Every structure is written in C-alpha cells, then in structure tokens.
Amino acid sequence: MKRKTRIILLDEADDEYKRLNEIVGQQIKESKQNTEEMQLLRSIKQKIDFVILLKLILFMAIIFLKRLFLKNTVFKTYGELN
C-alpha cells in the first residue's frame, strides 16, 4: 500500500528550505562536494523521511489495533468461531 504524505514547513522555514535547495543545486553544478549546506540539506531530508516512517508505523499500528479489537469483540460476543 502506498500512501502519500505531505510535510508542511511553516512561514519562513519553507522559504529557507527552498533557498537551501537552490544553494546546494548551484554547488552541485560547480562540482563542490560535501559542503556544510549539503550536509544540512541531507540531514533535513533524513529527518523528513524519519517523520514519514513514524507516520506510517502509527497508521499500521492503528489498523492492527482495529482488527485486534474487532476480532476480540466478535469472539466475546459470539463465542468461538469454527
């Protein structure tokens, strides 16, 4: 299952993120490697990926708990099902 997740950067964070992307893009064109800006952008992207992973884990846990609750409710209400 593939779910889309959107990260919203508030106020000036979005502007600064776009600016950092432009700076890193320019540095890549200039064949610079491993600058502080590149490291910072890589770190931000890793944190975003981590947030997305946590959101997916939470979603899957909710589905699991719903199924478990439903199964237990049916079992307690109707007894053992064959």
C-alpha atoms as a PDB file:
ATOM      1  CA  MET A   1       0.000   0.000   0.000  1.00  0.00           C
ATOM      2  CA  LYS A   2       1.390   3.376  -0.933  1.00  0.00           C
ATOM      3  CA  ARG A   3       0.240   6.445   0.941  1.00  0.00           C
ATOM      4  CA  LYS A   4       1.140   9.996   0.147  1.00  0.00           C
ATOM      5  CA  THR A   5       2.430  12.103   2.992  1.00  0.00           C
ATOM      6  CA  ARG A   6       2.835  15.826   2.829  1.00  0.00           C
ATOM      7  CA  ILE A   7       5.276  17.757   5.001  1.00  0.00           C
ATOM      8  CA  ILE A   8       4.296  21.373   5.575  1.00  0.00           C
ATOM      9  CA  LEU A   9       7.047  23.801   6.507  1.00  0.00           C
ATOM     10  CA  LEU A  10       5.657  26.870   8.199  1.00  0.00           C
ATOM     11  CA  ASP A  11       6.348  30.507   7.400  1.00  0.00           C
ATOM     12  CA  GLU A  12       9.997  31.259   6.767  1.00  0.00           C
ATOM     13  CA  ALA A  13      11.093  27.613   7.142  1.00  0.00           C
ATOM     14  CA  ASP A  14       9.645  26.872   3.699  1.00  0.00           C
ATOM     15  CA  ASP A  15      11.466  29.844   2.163  1.00  0.00           C
ATOM     16  CA  GLU A  16      14.744  28.882   3.811  1.00  0.00           C
ATOM     17  CA  TYR A  17      14.377  25.258   2.691  1.00  0.00           C
ATOM     18  CA  LYS A  18      13.825  26.342  -0.911  1.00  0.00           C
ATOM     19  CA  ARG A  19      16.793  28.718  -0.681  1.00  0.00           C
ATOM     20  CA  LEU A  20      18.991  25.944   0.728  1.00  0.00           C
ATOM     21  CA  ASN A  21      17.907  23.670  -2.133  1.00  0.00           C
ATOM     22  CA  GLU A  22      18.912  26.353  -4.643  1.00  0.00           C
ATOM     23  CA  ILE A  23      22.294  26.854  -2.958  1.00  0.00           C
ATOM     24  CA  VAL A  24      23.007  23.112  -2.951  1.00  0.00           C
ATOM     25  CA  GLY A  25      21.886  22.847  -6.579  1.00  0.00           C
ATOM     26  CA  GLN A  26      24.333  25.577  -7.526  1.00  0.00           C
ATOM     27  CA  GLN A  27      27.116  23.898  -5.553  1.00  0.00           C
ATOM     28  CA  ILE A  28      26.453  20.616  -7.356  1.00  0.00           C
ATOM     29  CA  LYS A  29      26.729  22.422 -10.693  1.00  0.00           C
ATOM     30  CA  GLU A  30      30.074  23.832  -9.520  1.00  0.00           C
ATOM     31  CA  SER A  31      31.203  20.260  -8.655  1.00  0.00           C
ATOM     32  CA  LYS A  32      31.587  21.046  -4.959  1.00  0.00           C
ATOM     33  CA  GLN A  33      31.310  18.096  -2.620  1.00  0.00           C
ATOM     34  CA  ASN A  34      30.196  17.701   0.973  1.00  0.00           C
ATOM     35  CA  THR A  35      29.762  21.359   1.863  1.00  0.00           C
ATOM     36  CA  GLU A  36      28.044  22.434   5.070  1.00  0.00           C
ATOM     37  CA  GLU A  37      24.938  23.320   3.082  1.00  0.00           C
ATOM     38  CA  MET A  38      24.840  19.856   1.503  1.00  0.00           C
ATOM     39  CA  GLN A  39      25.238  18.221   4.898  1.00  0.00           C
ATOM     40  CA  LEU A  40      22.455  20.380   6.338  1.00  0.00           C
ATOM     41  CA  LEU A  41      20.077  19.596   3.460  1.00  0.00           C
ATOM     42  CA  ARG A  42      20.862  15.875   3.716  1.00  0.00           C
ATOM     43  CA  SER A  43      20.141  15.993   7.454  1.00  0.00           C
ATOM     44  CA  ILE A  44      16.815  17.777   6.911  1.00  0.00           C
ATOM     45  CA  LYS A  45      15.779  15.221   4.289  1.00  0.00           C
ATOM     46  CA  GLN A  46      16.678  12.367   6.656  1.00  0.00           C
ATOM     47  CA  LYS A  47      14.517  13.909   9.386  1.00  0.00           C
ATOM     48  CA  ILE A  48      11.625  14.286   6.945  1.00  0.00           C
ATOM     49  CA  ASP A  49      11.990  10.623   5.934  1.00  0.00           C
ATOM     50  CA  PHE A  50      12.016   9.670   9.627  1.00  0.00           C
ATOM     51  CA  VAL A  51       8.793  11.608  10.253  1.00  0.00           C
ATOM     52  CA  ILE A  52       7.165   9.879   7.281  1.00  0.00           C
ATOM     53  CA  LEU A  53       8.299   6.484   8.602  1.00  0.00           C
ATOM     54  CA  LEU A  54       6.867   7.237  12.055  1.00  0.00           C
ATOM     55  CA  LYS A  55       3.591   8.280  10.476  1.00  0.00           C
ATOM     56  CA  LEU A  56       3.456   5.005   8.516  1.00  0.00           C
ATOM     57  CA  ILE A  57       4.203   2.962  11.641  1.00  0.00           C
ATOM     58  CA  LEU A  58       1.432   4.779  13.513  1.00  0.00           C
ATOM     59  CA  PHE A  59      -1.005   4.146  10.650  1.00  0.00           C
ATOM     60  CA  MET A  60      -0.157   0.433  10.593  1.00  0.00           C
ATOM     61  CA  ALA A  61      -0.480   0.189  14.392  1.00  0.00           C
ATOM     62  CA  ILE A  62      -3.953   1.736  14.248  1.00  0.00           C
ATOM     63  CA  ILE A  63      -5.045  -0.770  11.591  1.00  0.00           C
ATOM     64  CA  PHE A  64      -3.639  -3.643  13.664  1.00  0.00           C
ATOM     65  CA  LEU A  65      -5.398  -2.460  16.834  1.00  0.00           C
ATOM     66  CA  LYS A  66      -8.714  -2.029  14.997  1.00  0.00           C
ATOM     67  CA  ARG A  67      -8.505  -5.570  13.640  1.00  0.00           C
ATOM     68  CA  LEU A  68      -7.496  -6.948  17.033  1.00  0.00           C
ATOM     69  CA  PHE A  69     -10.348  -5.115  18.744  1.00  0.00           C
ATOM     70  CA  LEU A  70     -12.847  -6.331  16.134  1.00  0.00           C
ATOM     71  CA  LYS A  71     -11.615  -9.923  16.431  1.00  0.00           C
ATOM     72  CA  ASN A  72     -11.835  -9.846  20.244  1.00  0.00           C
ATOM     73  CA  THR A  73     -15.278  -8.263  20.147  1.00  0.00           C
ATOM     74  CA  VAL A  74     -16.626 -10.902  17.756  1.00  0.00           C
ATOM     75  CA  PHE A  75     -15.076 -13.695  19.848  1.00  0.00           C
ATOM     76  CA  LYS A  76     -16.554 -12.391  23.117  1.00  0.00           C
ATOM     77  CA  THR A  77     -19.957 -11.729  21.556  1.00  0.00           C
ATOM     78  CA  TYR A  78     -20.447 -14.943  19.601  1.00  0.00           C
ATOM     79  CA  GLY A  79     -18.074 -17.344  21.281  1.00  0.00           C
ATOM     80  CA  GLU A  80     -15.526 -19.443  19.444  1.00  0.00           C
ATOM     81  CA  LEU A  81     -15.956 -19.422  15.672  1.00  0.00           C
ATOM     82  CA  ASN A  82     -15.194 -22.539  13.655  1.00  0.00           C
END
